[in-house]
Protein backbone atom coordinates (compact mmCIF):
# COMPACT_ATOMS: atom_id res chain seq x y z
CA MET A 1 16.69 93.00 98.60
CA LYS A 2 19.12 95.20 96.76
CA LYS A 3 17.19 97.78 94.71
CA ALA A 4 18.17 98.46 91.04
CA SER A 5 19.60 101.81 90.15
CA SER A 6 20.03 101.55 86.48
CA LEU A 7 18.16 100.05 83.55
CA SER A 8 20.78 97.43 83.06
CA GLU A 9 20.17 96.18 86.62
CA LEU A 10 16.46 96.07 85.73
CA GLY A 11 17.29 93.58 83.02
CA PHE A 12 17.48 95.84 80.00
CA ASP A 13 20.18 95.18 77.35
CA ALA A 14 22.85 97.86 77.61
CA ASP A 15 24.70 96.49 74.47
CA GLY A 16 21.85 97.07 72.03
CA PRO A 17 21.69 99.60 69.21
CA SER A 18 22.57 103.13 70.17
CA PHE A 19 19.80 105.70 70.39
CA PHE A 20 22.04 108.18 68.59
CA ARG A 21 24.07 107.38 65.49
CA HIS A 22 27.78 107.76 66.15
CA LEU A 23 29.95 109.98 63.91
CA SER A 24 33.61 109.36 63.20
CA LEU A 25 35.65 111.85 65.29
CA ALA A 26 39.01 110.38 64.55
CA ASP A 27 41.81 112.77 63.60
CA GLY A 28 44.49 111.94 61.00
CA ASP A 29 46.15 109.23 62.74
CA GLY A 30 42.95 107.50 63.73
CA ALA A 31 42.90 108.48 67.39
CA LEU A 32 39.82 109.93 68.96
CA PRO A 33 40.45 113.30 70.76
CA ARG A 34 39.84 112.88 74.39
CA ARG A 35 39.76 115.39 77.18
CA ARG A 36 41.68 114.36 80.28
CA LEU A 37 39.05 113.37 82.97
CA ILE A 38 39.43 114.43 86.58
CA LYS A 39 38.73 111.85 89.25
CA ILE A 40 38.16 112.89 92.90
CA SER A 41 37.80 110.39 95.71
CA VAL A 42 36.18 111.18 99.05
CA ILE A 43 36.93 108.66 101.84
CA GLY A 44 34.32 108.95 104.54
CA ALA A 45 30.73 109.58 103.64
CA GLY A 46 29.62 111.27 106.81
CA ASN A 47 28.10 114.82 107.04
CA VAL A 48 31.44 116.45 106.21
CA GLY A 49 32.36 114.00 103.40
CA MET A 50 29.04 114.41 101.70
CA ALA A 51 29.09 118.23 102.03
CA ILE A 52 32.43 118.21 100.25
CA ALA A 53 31.28 115.78 97.58
CA GLN A 54 28.08 117.73 96.92
CA THR A 55 29.88 121.13 96.73
CA ILE A 56 32.54 119.73 94.34
CA LEU A 57 29.69 118.19 92.23
CA THR A 58 27.79 121.48 91.85
CA GLN A 59 31.06 123.45 91.00
CA ASP A 60 31.70 121.06 88.01
CA LEU A 61 35.18 120.36 89.09
CA ALA A 62 35.21 116.50 88.70
CA ASP A 63 34.22 114.14 85.96
CA GLU A 64 34.19 111.26 88.35
CA ILE A 65 33.46 111.17 92.14
CA ILE A 66 34.22 108.20 94.25
CA LEU A 67 32.58 107.88 97.59
CA ILE A 68 34.11 105.36 100.07
CA ASP A 69 32.72 104.49 103.47
CA ALA A 70 32.76 101.52 105.95
CA VAL A 71 28.88 101.39 105.92
CA ALA A 72 27.95 99.94 102.51
CA ASP A 73 24.29 100.72 102.54
CA LYS A 74 24.81 104.34 103.72
CA VAL A 75 27.34 105.14 101.11
CA ARG A 76 25.23 103.53 98.35
CA GLY A 77 22.25 105.63 99.55
CA GLU A 78 24.29 108.84 99.43
CA MET A 79 25.39 107.90 95.84
CA LEU A 80 21.88 107.27 94.63
CA ASP A 81 20.58 110.49 96.27
CA LEU A 82 23.22 112.46 94.24
CA GLN A 83 22.60 110.45 91.04
CA HIS A 84 18.89 111.20 91.19
CA ALA A 85 19.76 114.93 90.84
CA ALA A 86 21.54 114.22 87.52
CA ALA A 87 18.96 116.31 85.47
CA PHE A 88 20.01 119.46 87.50
CA LEU A 89 23.77 118.90 87.63
CA PRO A 90 26.81 118.59 85.32
CA ARG A 91 27.29 115.10 83.95
CA VAL A 92 29.52 113.38 86.60
CA ASN A 93 30.11 109.64 87.11
CA ILE A 94 29.44 108.81 90.79
CA VAL A 95 30.55 105.50 92.21
CA SER A 96 30.34 104.25 95.78
CA GLY A 97 31.76 101.34 97.75
CA THR A 98 33.61 100.20 100.80
CA ASP A 99 36.87 99.18 98.98
CA VAL A 100 39.64 101.84 98.84
CA SER A 101 40.79 100.19 95.57
CA LEU A 102 37.82 102.02 93.84
CA THR A 103 39.88 105.21 94.20
CA ARG A 104 42.48 103.89 91.71
CA SER A 105 43.98 106.67 89.45
CA SER A 106 42.42 109.51 91.32
CA ASP A 107 43.87 112.98 90.91
CA LEU A 108 42.80 113.95 94.30
CA VAL A 109 41.94 111.83 97.33
CA ILE A 110 40.17 113.61 100.21
CA VAL A 111 40.08 111.81 103.55
CA THR A 112 37.33 112.72 106.08
CA ALA A 113 37.07 109.46 107.85
CA GLY A 114 37.93 109.49 111.58
CA ALA A 115 36.99 107.98 114.83
CA ARG A 116 34.80 110.07 117.16
CA GLN A 117 35.96 111.02 120.63
CA ILE A 118 34.55 108.96 123.48
CA PRO A 119 33.46 111.03 126.54
CA GLY A 120 36.42 110.98 128.93
CA GLU A 121 38.85 109.82 126.29
CA THR A 122 42.14 111.69 126.09
CA ARG A 123 43.14 113.29 122.81
CA LEU A 124 46.12 111.08 122.52
CA ASN A 125 44.08 108.04 122.84
CA LEU A 126 41.73 109.36 120.07
CA LEU A 127 44.72 110.08 118.00
CA GLN A 128 46.01 106.47 118.37
CA ARG A 129 42.58 105.15 117.22
CA ASN A 130 42.74 107.41 114.21
CA VAL A 131 46.28 106.40 113.45
CA SER A 132 45.06 102.81 113.33
CA LEU A 133 42.25 103.76 110.98
CA PHE A 134 44.64 105.66 108.77
CA ARG A 135 46.93 102.65 108.55
CA ARG A 136 44.13 100.88 106.83
CA ILE A 137 43.13 103.77 104.56
CA VAL A 138 46.21 105.80 103.59
CA PRO A 139 48.63 103.21 102.31
CA ALA A 140 45.86 101.59 100.26
CA ALA A 141 44.81 104.95 98.77
CA ALA A 142 48.46 105.82 98.06
CA GLU A 143 49.07 102.52 96.33
CA ALA A 144 45.93 102.81 94.17
CA SER A 145 46.79 106.45 93.18
CA PRO A 146 50.59 106.94 93.48
CA GLU A 147 50.51 110.25 91.59
CA SER A 148 47.50 111.77 93.35
CA LEU A 149 47.26 114.68 95.80
CA LEU A 150 46.24 113.77 99.29
CA LEU A 151 43.94 116.18 101.14
CA ILE A 152 43.22 115.43 104.88
CA VAL A 153 40.18 116.88 106.52
CA SER A 154 39.86 114.47 109.51
CA ASN A 155 40.54 116.03 112.91
CA PRO A 156 42.82 116.71 114.59
CA VAL A 157 43.80 117.67 111.04
CA ASP A 158 47.33 118.88 111.60
CA VAL A 159 48.53 115.71 113.36
CA LEU A 160 46.66 113.47 111.01
CA THR A 161 48.17 115.19 107.95
CA TYR A 162 51.55 114.35 109.49
CA VAL A 163 50.36 110.74 109.91
CA ALA A 164 49.13 110.55 106.34
CA TRP A 165 52.52 111.92 105.03
CA LYS A 166 54.35 109.29 107.01
CA LEU A 167 52.07 106.41 105.96
CA SER A 168 51.71 107.44 102.27
CA GLY A 169 55.38 107.86 101.46
CA PHE A 170 54.37 110.89 99.38
CA PRO A 171 56.52 113.98 99.13
CA ALA A 172 55.31 116.63 101.53
CA SER A 173 54.20 118.87 98.65
CA ARG A 174 51.42 116.37 97.85
CA VAL A 175 50.05 115.89 101.36
CA ILE A 176 47.97 118.79 102.53
CA GLY A 177 45.62 119.37 105.45
CA SER A 178 42.54 121.54 105.27
CA GLY A 179 44.11 123.43 108.22
CA THR A 180 42.86 126.95 109.13
CA ASN A 181 41.31 127.65 105.65
CA LEU A 182 37.90 127.52 107.28
CA ASP A 183 39.09 129.28 110.49
CA SER A 184 40.25 132.15 108.18
CA SER A 185 36.92 132.26 106.40
CA ARG A 186 35.12 132.62 109.79
CA PHE A 187 37.60 135.34 110.75
CA ARG A 188 36.94 137.28 107.51
CA PHE A 189 33.25 136.84 107.89
CA LEU A 190 33.27 138.51 111.37
CA LEU A 191 35.44 141.36 110.14
CA ALA A 192 33.41 141.91 106.97
CA GLU A 193 30.16 142.02 108.98
CA HIS A 194 31.79 144.71 111.25
CA LEU A 195 33.19 146.82 108.46
CA GLU A 196 30.15 146.32 106.22
CA VAL A 197 32.09 144.97 103.22
CA SER A 198 32.23 141.66 101.32
CA ALA A 199 34.16 138.86 103.05
CA GLN A 200 35.81 138.36 99.65
CA ASP A 201 37.47 141.77 99.95
CA VAL A 202 38.92 141.03 103.35
CA GLN A 203 42.47 139.62 103.49
CA ALA A 204 42.81 137.96 106.89
CA TYR A 205 44.53 134.81 108.11
CA MET A 206 44.43 132.32 110.95
CA VAL A 207 47.53 130.25 111.07
CA GLY A 208 49.13 127.61 113.37
CA GLU A 209 46.96 124.73 114.70
CA HIS A 210 43.44 124.19 113.48
CA GLY A 211 41.73 124.43 116.79
CA ASP A 212 41.98 126.21 120.12
CA SER A 213 45.59 127.49 119.77
CA SER A 214 45.19 128.99 116.22
CA VAL A 215 46.72 132.33 115.71
CA ALA A 216 45.00 135.40 114.31
CA LEU A 217 47.40 137.57 112.27
CA TRP A 218 45.95 140.94 113.22
CA SER A 219 49.00 142.80 111.90
CA SER A 220 48.48 141.82 108.30
CA ILE A 221 44.68 142.34 107.92
CA SER A 222 43.83 144.51 104.90
CA VAL A 223 40.69 145.53 102.97
CA ALA A 224 41.23 146.72 99.26
CA GLY A 225 44.98 146.77 100.05
CA MET A 226 44.63 149.10 103.07
CA PRO A 227 45.77 148.05 106.55
CA VAL A 228 42.77 147.57 108.99
CA LEU A 229 44.11 147.10 112.47
CA ALA A 230 45.10 150.70 113.16
CA HIS A 231 41.74 151.85 111.75
CA LEU A 232 39.90 149.48 114.09
CA GLN A 233 41.98 150.45 117.16
CA LYS A 234 41.35 154.14 116.49
CA ASN A 235 37.72 154.29 115.37
CA HIS A 236 35.96 151.22 116.54
CA ARG A 237 34.89 150.23 120.13
CA SER A 238 33.96 146.86 121.55
CA SER A 239 30.22 146.92 122.32
CA ALA A 240 30.89 144.85 125.40
CA ALA A 241 33.55 147.18 126.63
CA SER A 242 33.47 150.44 128.63
CA LYS A 243 33.30 153.75 126.65
CA THR A 244 37.02 154.22 126.89
CA LYS A 245 37.98 150.70 125.76
CA GLN A 246 39.28 150.40 122.23
CA PHE A 247 40.35 147.36 120.25
CA ASP A 248 43.10 146.41 122.68
CA GLU A 249 44.79 143.09 123.10
CA ALA A 250 41.96 141.77 125.30
CA ALA A 251 39.33 142.83 122.68
CA LEU A 252 41.39 141.11 119.85
CA GLU A 253 41.69 137.93 121.89
CA GLY A 254 37.88 137.97 122.41
CA ILE A 255 37.39 138.11 118.69
CA ARG A 256 39.91 135.24 118.10
CA ARG A 257 38.04 133.13 120.63
CA ALA A 258 34.79 133.94 118.91
CA VAL A 259 36.31 132.55 115.70
CA VAL A 260 37.55 129.44 117.41
CA GLY A 261 34.25 129.05 119.23
CA SER A 262 32.02 129.36 116.24
CA ALA A 263 32.48 125.77 115.32
CA TYR A 264 31.42 124.66 118.73
CA GLU A 265 28.38 126.89 118.47
CA VAL A 266 27.28 125.30 115.17
CA ILE A 267 27.81 121.84 116.66
CA LYS A 268 25.83 122.71 119.72
CA LEU A 269 22.97 124.03 117.56
CA LYS A 270 22.70 121.44 114.78
CA GLY A 271 24.94 118.64 116.04
CA TYR A 272 27.81 118.88 113.51
CA THR A 273 29.44 121.22 110.98
CA SER A 274 29.24 120.51 107.29
CA TRP A 275 28.37 123.27 104.70
CA ALA A 276 31.21 125.66 105.55
CA ILE A 277 33.84 122.91 105.58
CA GLY A 278 32.42 121.57 102.29
CA TYR A 279 32.81 124.97 100.63
CA SER A 280 36.31 125.38 102.26
CA VAL A 281 37.61 122.01 101.02
CA ALA A 282 36.08 122.41 97.58
CA SER A 283 37.95 125.77 97.31
CA ILE A 284 41.19 124.05 98.03
CA ALA A 285 40.42 121.30 95.53
CA TRP A 286 39.68 123.90 92.92
CA SER A 287 42.97 125.74 93.43
CA LEU A 288 44.89 122.44 93.30
CA LEU A 289 43.19 120.80 90.28
CA ARG A 290 42.77 123.92 88.19
CA ASP A 291 46.30 124.97 88.94
CA GLN A 292 45.15 128.38 90.27
CA HIS A 293 48.31 129.32 92.37
CA ARG A 294 45.88 130.79 94.95
CA ILE A 295 47.07 131.27 98.50
CA HIS A 296 45.34 129.16 101.23
CA PRO A 297 46.24 128.83 104.91
CA VAL A 298 46.50 125.09 104.84
CA SER A 299 48.40 122.48 106.95
CA VAL A 300 51.82 121.96 105.36
CA LEU A 301 55.15 120.51 106.42
CA ALA A 302 56.51 123.52 108.50
CA LYS A 303 59.91 121.97 109.22
CA GLY A 304 62.37 124.93 109.80
CA LEU A 305 59.66 127.53 109.01
CA VAL A 306 58.67 128.60 112.62
CA ARG A 307 61.11 130.84 114.33
CA GLY A 308 62.16 129.44 117.71
CA ILE A 309 61.30 125.83 116.86
CA PRO A 310 64.26 123.49 116.13
CA ALA A 311 64.68 123.19 112.28
CA ASP A 312 64.79 119.31 112.46
CA ARG A 313 61.21 118.91 113.92
CA GLU A 314 58.77 117.48 111.42
CA LEU A 315 55.35 118.90 112.04
CA PHE A 316 52.37 120.08 109.97
CA LEU A 317 50.62 123.36 110.73
CA SER A 318 48.81 126.01 108.71
CA LEU A 319 50.70 128.72 106.92
CA PRO A 320 49.73 130.72 103.86
CA ALA A 321 50.63 128.39 100.97
CA ARG A 322 50.50 128.71 97.20
CA LEU A 323 48.59 125.78 95.73
CA GLY A 324 48.57 124.30 92.24
CA ARG A 325 48.21 121.11 90.26
CA ALA A 326 51.55 119.91 91.79
CA GLY A 327 50.29 120.46 95.34
CA VAL A 328 52.04 122.91 97.62
CA LEU A 329 54.12 125.08 95.31
CA SER A 330 55.56 127.38 98.01
CA VAL A 331 54.98 128.52 101.62
CA ALA A 332 54.96 132.04 103.02
CA ALA A 333 57.89 131.49 105.35
CA GLU A 334 58.74 135.13 105.92
CA LEU A 335 55.67 136.23 107.77
CA VAL A 336 55.82 139.68 109.39
CA LEU A 337 54.62 138.99 112.82
CA THR A 338 54.31 140.89 116.04
CA ASP A 339 56.03 139.52 119.13
CA GLU A 340 52.75 138.26 120.48
CA GLU A 341 51.76 136.54 117.19
CA GLU A 342 55.16 134.88 116.95
CA ARG A 343 54.89 133.70 120.56
CA ARG A 344 51.45 132.15 119.96
CA LEU A 345 52.59 130.54 116.74
CA ARG A 346 55.56 128.96 118.59
CA ILE A 347 53.28 127.60 121.24
CA SER A 348 50.96 126.20 118.63
CA ALA A 349 53.89 124.42 116.94
CA GLU A 350 55.21 123.05 120.13
CA THR A 351 51.84 121.69 120.96
CA LEU A 352 51.54 119.95 117.65
CA TRP A 353 55.13 118.58 117.83
CA GLY A 354 54.32 117.06 121.21
CA TYR A 355 51.52 115.00 119.62
CA CYS A 356 53.46 114.06 116.56
CA ASN A 357 56.50 112.98 118.58
CA ALA A 358 54.28 110.86 120.87
CA LEU A 359 52.94 108.83 117.93
CA GLY A 360 56.47 107.47 117.25
CA LEU A 361 55.89 107.12 113.49
């Protein structure tokens, strides 16, 4: 039996006399002043989707949050669980369901839904299954909210952002992948811990593919505007290295691998990642909807932006991008890279292009 979640569902008349007496708020022409409401939809109510929804809710970014999932009871339960915290949170209308049409007129649609990899399954087969899922989700969401921004979180995020762009028909500026925004936060955390400063004062980016081939931009790291790499190489030693070993290429690669592997460590320990990606995506949503013009390393259309990759190749990968209410406002195409960083970024781009090209969209 379906449990009631409101007094109207318990049989109480919602159309009776108001508890408060309404005052006339009309201006000179009789129209009531109204603030434009912000509507955010999250498609996929798993651990990641709910961490994103919960973080957005607590940050008072949305007036309405729509939760969509294929499992009706689960998504309704998640909705009720959040609604029951109403006394401790900003006033937000939370709606749940299985029909993507509920997302109509959203300002931002966040997609976290995706098939899980079966043991022994190739990455390309997993991609094909996720493409089939996206064929059901993305066109419907795009039709329901033709002016919305589309933010893809499902993995492999760079390829699925490309898929969403193709299926939605949206301009590339309005289709964004969460990309290496979280990778960069993990990178900043490790550096901040070592340097004993706040991670918010560390400027450091991971770019390229979100995953094993992501590229750490060591040459551009700074704290309080001061370059860091030369200082690390001169004054800091790797504790795992011999007394004479400084921060050389091998040591830097070890740190990059630690950043990439940190997600696997969390998954091994608790079974999934959720809170960090929740905060990461909420920060992107804030920059977009509040028109902050902040720089995020997110997955964007990098056609013609990676040196050494043919300019006609349509692929998405993470580059520092300026985000605002219109989506991607600009991309840092003139990155100053070392030869090794440029080589790694080119390999990352070639890897992603191989998967995108194989999909035949």
